[in-house]
Amino acid sequence: MRRKFLAVIFSVFLTISVVPAKAHTFHTSLTRIDYNAKEKLAEISIRLFTHDFIPALERFAKKNVDLEKTPDADKYILKYLDANFILKDKTGAAKKLVWVGKEQKVDAVYIYVEIPLNENFDGYTLQNTIFFEMFPKQENVVVARYDEKKIDLIYKVGEKEKLISLKTETKN
C-alpha cells in the first residue's frame, strides 16, 4: 500500500516537473494618488512587479539596469514615468513629476513621486500607459483621493488618458 502511494506521488511530481511552465499573462500596476491640501501636493505611489518593471526599464534605457547598483537608475525611472504617467491640468498642461524615492521588495518596486498643485486634481486628465509597450494585456489601476472622495480608474492597452472627476464618486 505504501509503495503504491509513493508511486502515485512520484508520478504526480514527475508530471508536474515535466510540464513546461507557462509565462504569466496577467500584468498590472497599482497607483495611489492623494492630494495633500496642506502641502499643495499630489502624493503618488506606484507599485510595479519587479519581473515586469526591469525588462521595461532596460528596454527604455537601452541598457541593463540594476535598481540598486546602476548609478542613474532613478533618472531612468523618472524619464520612463515622464513618458508614460502624465497628469494634465484643466488647460491640458502636463504637470512635472518630482522624484521622492523608491523601495525595492522581493517581487515589487514601489516608486514615490509628487506633483506640486495649487488645487486638487478634480477635472484633470491622467495618462497611465506604464508597460503598454511590453504587455498587450497590461492593466493599470489608479486610486485617486481628495478630501473624503475617491475615484478608481482602470487603464487597459489602447486607453491612453482618463478624466479624473471626483464629483460623482462616493465617500470612503
Protein backbone atom coordinates (compact mmCIF):
# COMPACT_ATOMS: atom_id res chain seq x y z
CA MET A 1 0.00 0.00 0.00
CA ARG A 2 2.78 2.41 0.93
CA ARG A 3 4.65 1.62 -2.32
CA LYS A 4 1.55 2.35 -4.33
CA PHE A 5 1.08 5.67 -2.55
CA LEU A 6 4.73 6.63 -3.14
CA ALA A 7 4.43 5.63 -6.80
CA VAL A 8 1.39 7.88 -7.24
CA ILE A 9 3.14 10.80 -5.51
CA PHE A 10 6.25 10.26 -7.63
CA SER A 11 4.14 10.13 -10.82
CA VAL A 12 2.37 13.36 -9.94
CA PHE A 13 5.69 15.04 -9.11
CA LEU A 14 7.24 13.81 -12.36
CA THR A 15 4.25 15.01 -14.39
CA ILE A 16 4.34 18.45 -12.78
CA SER A 17 8.08 18.84 -13.26
CA VAL A 18 7.97 17.78 -16.93
CA VAL A 19 5.05 20.01 -17.95
CA PRO A 20 6.58 23.26 -19.22
CA ALA A 21 5.88 26.32 -17.14
CA LYS A 22 3.73 28.93 -18.85
CA ALA A 23 4.70 32.58 -18.76
CA HIS A 24 2.24 34.54 -16.69
CA THR A 25 -0.27 36.52 -18.69
CA PHE A 26 -1.56 38.88 -16.01
CA HIS A 27 0.30 42.19 -15.79
CA THR A 28 -0.81 45.03 -13.57
CA SER A 29 0.36 48.13 -11.74
CA LEU A 30 -1.29 49.87 -8.82
CA THR A 31 -1.07 53.61 -8.29
CA ARG A 32 -2.40 55.70 -5.45
CA ILE A 33 -2.68 59.48 -5.77
CA ASP A 34 -3.55 61.52 -2.69
CA TYR A 35 -3.99 65.28 -2.75
CA ASN A 36 -2.35 66.88 0.28
CA ALA A 37 -4.15 70.25 0.55
CA LYS A 38 -1.88 71.49 3.35
CA GLU A 39 1.31 70.90 1.33
CA LYS A 40 -0.41 71.55 -2.03
CA LEU A 41 0.94 68.30 -3.46
CA ALA A 42 -0.33 65.25 -5.29
CA GLU A 43 1.48 62.44 -3.48
CA ILE A 44 1.85 59.42 -5.75
CA SER A 45 2.92 55.86 -5.04
CA ILE A 46 3.22 53.33 -7.86
CA ARG A 47 3.61 49.59 -7.23
CA LEU A 48 5.15 47.64 -10.10
CA PHE A 49 6.08 43.98 -10.21
CA THR A 50 9.85 43.65 -10.49
CA HIS A 51 9.71 40.93 -13.16
CA ASP A 52 7.70 43.31 -15.38
CA PHE A 53 9.47 46.53 -14.45
CA ILE A 54 13.12 45.61 -15.01
CA PRO A 55 12.66 44.46 -18.66
CA ALA A 56 10.55 47.54 -19.45
CA LEU A 57 13.08 49.89 -17.86
CA GLU A 58 16.01 48.19 -19.62
CA ARG A 59 14.21 48.43 -22.94
CA PHE A 60 13.53 52.12 -22.32
CA ALA A 61 17.10 52.87 -21.13
CA LYS A 62 18.62 50.66 -23.84
CA LYS A 63 20.96 49.10 -21.29
CA ASN A 64 21.00 46.68 -18.36
CA VAL A 65 19.69 48.27 -15.19
CA ASP A 66 20.16 47.09 -11.61
CA LEU A 67 17.91 49.21 -9.40
CA GLU A 68 20.40 49.16 -6.54
CA LYS A 69 23.69 49.38 -8.46
CA THR A 70 23.11 51.34 -11.66
CA PRO A 71 24.13 54.94 -10.85
CA ASP A 72 21.43 56.56 -13.00
CA ALA A 73 18.63 54.09 -12.22
CA ASP A 74 16.44 56.74 -10.55
CA LYS A 75 16.93 59.07 -13.52
CA TYR A 76 15.83 56.31 -15.95
CA ILE A 77 12.79 55.52 -13.82
CA LEU A 78 11.72 59.19 -13.74
CA LYS A 79 12.21 59.53 -17.51
CA TYR A 80 10.13 56.37 -18.06
CA LEU A 81 7.37 57.82 -15.88
CA ASP A 82 7.60 61.21 -17.65
CA ALA A 83 6.79 59.36 -20.89
CA ASN A 84 4.10 57.04 -19.50
CA PHE A 85 2.49 58.65 -16.44
CA ILE A 86 1.32 62.17 -17.21
CA LEU A 87 -1.08 64.32 -15.20
CA LYS A 88 -2.54 67.24 -17.19
CA ASP A 89 -4.37 70.16 -15.65
CA LYS A 90 -7.68 71.55 -16.92
CA THR A 91 -5.88 73.53 -19.66
CA GLY A 92 -4.07 70.40 -20.89
CA ALA A 93 -0.66 71.40 -19.49
CA ALA A 94 1.41 68.47 -18.23
CA LYS A 95 2.45 68.71 -14.60
CA LYS A 96 6.05 67.91 -13.67
CA LEU A 97 6.78 64.80 -11.62
CA VAL A 98 9.19 65.33 -8.73
CA TRP A 99 11.24 62.32 -7.61
CA VAL A 100 10.80 61.31 -3.97
CA GLY A 101 12.32 57.81 -3.97
CA LYS A 102 11.86 54.09 -4.48
CA GLU A 103 11.64 50.96 -2.39
CA GLN A 104 12.54 47.54 -3.70
CA LYS A 105 10.94 44.46 -2.21
CA VAL A 106 11.42 40.85 -3.30
CA ASP A 107 8.78 40.91 -6.03
CA ALA A 108 7.73 44.57 -6.27
CA VAL A 109 9.15 48.04 -6.68
CA TYR A 110 7.41 51.00 -5.06
CA ILE A 111 8.06 54.34 -6.72
CA TYR A 112 7.24 57.60 -4.97
CA VAL A 113 6.80 60.88 -6.82
CA GLU A 114 4.87 64.04 -6.17
CA ILE A 115 3.44 66.90 -8.17
CA PRO A 116 3.07 70.43 -6.82
CA LEU A 117 -0.57 71.53 -7.33
CA ASN A 118 -2.31 74.70 -6.22
CA GLU A 119 -5.66 72.90 -6.40
CA ASN A 120 -6.93 69.35 -6.19
CA PHE A 121 -6.85 67.30 -9.40
CA ASP A 122 -10.61 67.17 -9.98
CA GLY A 123 -11.11 67.74 -13.71
CA TYR A 124 -7.52 66.84 -14.62
CA THR A 125 -6.66 64.06 -17.08
CA LEU A 126 -4.22 61.26 -16.39
CA GLN A 127 -2.29 59.18 -18.89
CA ASN A 128 -1.11 55.87 -17.48
CA THR A 129 0.50 53.77 -20.21
CA ILE A 130 3.02 52.02 -17.95
CA PHE A 131 4.12 48.74 -19.61
CA PHE A 132 1.68 49.12 -22.51
CA GLU A 133 4.66 48.80 -24.87
CA MET A 134 5.55 45.44 -23.32
CA PHE A 135 2.36 43.57 -22.44
CA PRO A 136 -0.84 43.52 -24.55
CA LYS A 137 -2.93 42.54 -21.51
CA GLN A 138 -1.45 45.14 -19.14
CA GLU A 139 -3.89 46.79 -16.74
CA ASN A 140 -3.06 49.83 -14.64
CA VAL A 141 -5.24 50.58 -11.64
CA VAL A 142 -5.27 54.08 -10.19
CA VAL A 143 -6.94 55.12 -6.94
CA ALA A 144 -7.18 58.91 -6.69
CA ARG A 145 -8.23 60.59 -3.44
CA TYR A 146 -9.07 64.12 -2.49
CA ASP A 147 -10.69 65.11 0.78
CA GLU A 148 -13.12 62.26 1.51
CA LYS A 149 -13.72 61.47 -2.14
CA LYS A 150 -12.20 58.71 -4.21
CA ILE A 151 -12.18 57.59 -7.81
CA ASP A 152 -10.88 54.33 -9.23
CA LEU A 153 -9.55 54.26 -12.78
CA ILE A 154 -8.57 51.16 -14.75
CA TYR A 155 -6.42 51.56 -17.85
CA LYS A 156 -6.14 48.85 -20.48
CA VAL A 157 -3.91 48.87 -23.54
CA GLY A 158 -5.41 51.35 -26.00
CA GLU A 159 -6.83 53.61 -23.27
CA LYS A 160 -4.35 56.44 -23.08
CA GLU A 161 -5.97 59.15 -20.95
CA LYS A 162 -8.85 59.34 -18.50
CA LEU A 163 -10.60 62.21 -16.79
CA ILE A 164 -10.28 62.37 -13.01
CA SER A 165 -13.67 63.57 -11.84
CA LEU A 166 -14.26 63.27 -8.13
CA LYS A 167 -17.69 64.90 -8.13
CA THR A 168 -19.55 61.70 -8.92
CA GLU A 169 -17.71 59.39 -6.51
CA THR A 170 -18.82 58.39 -3.05
CA LYS A 171 -17.17 58.82 0.33
CA ASN A 172 -14.91 56.05 1.54
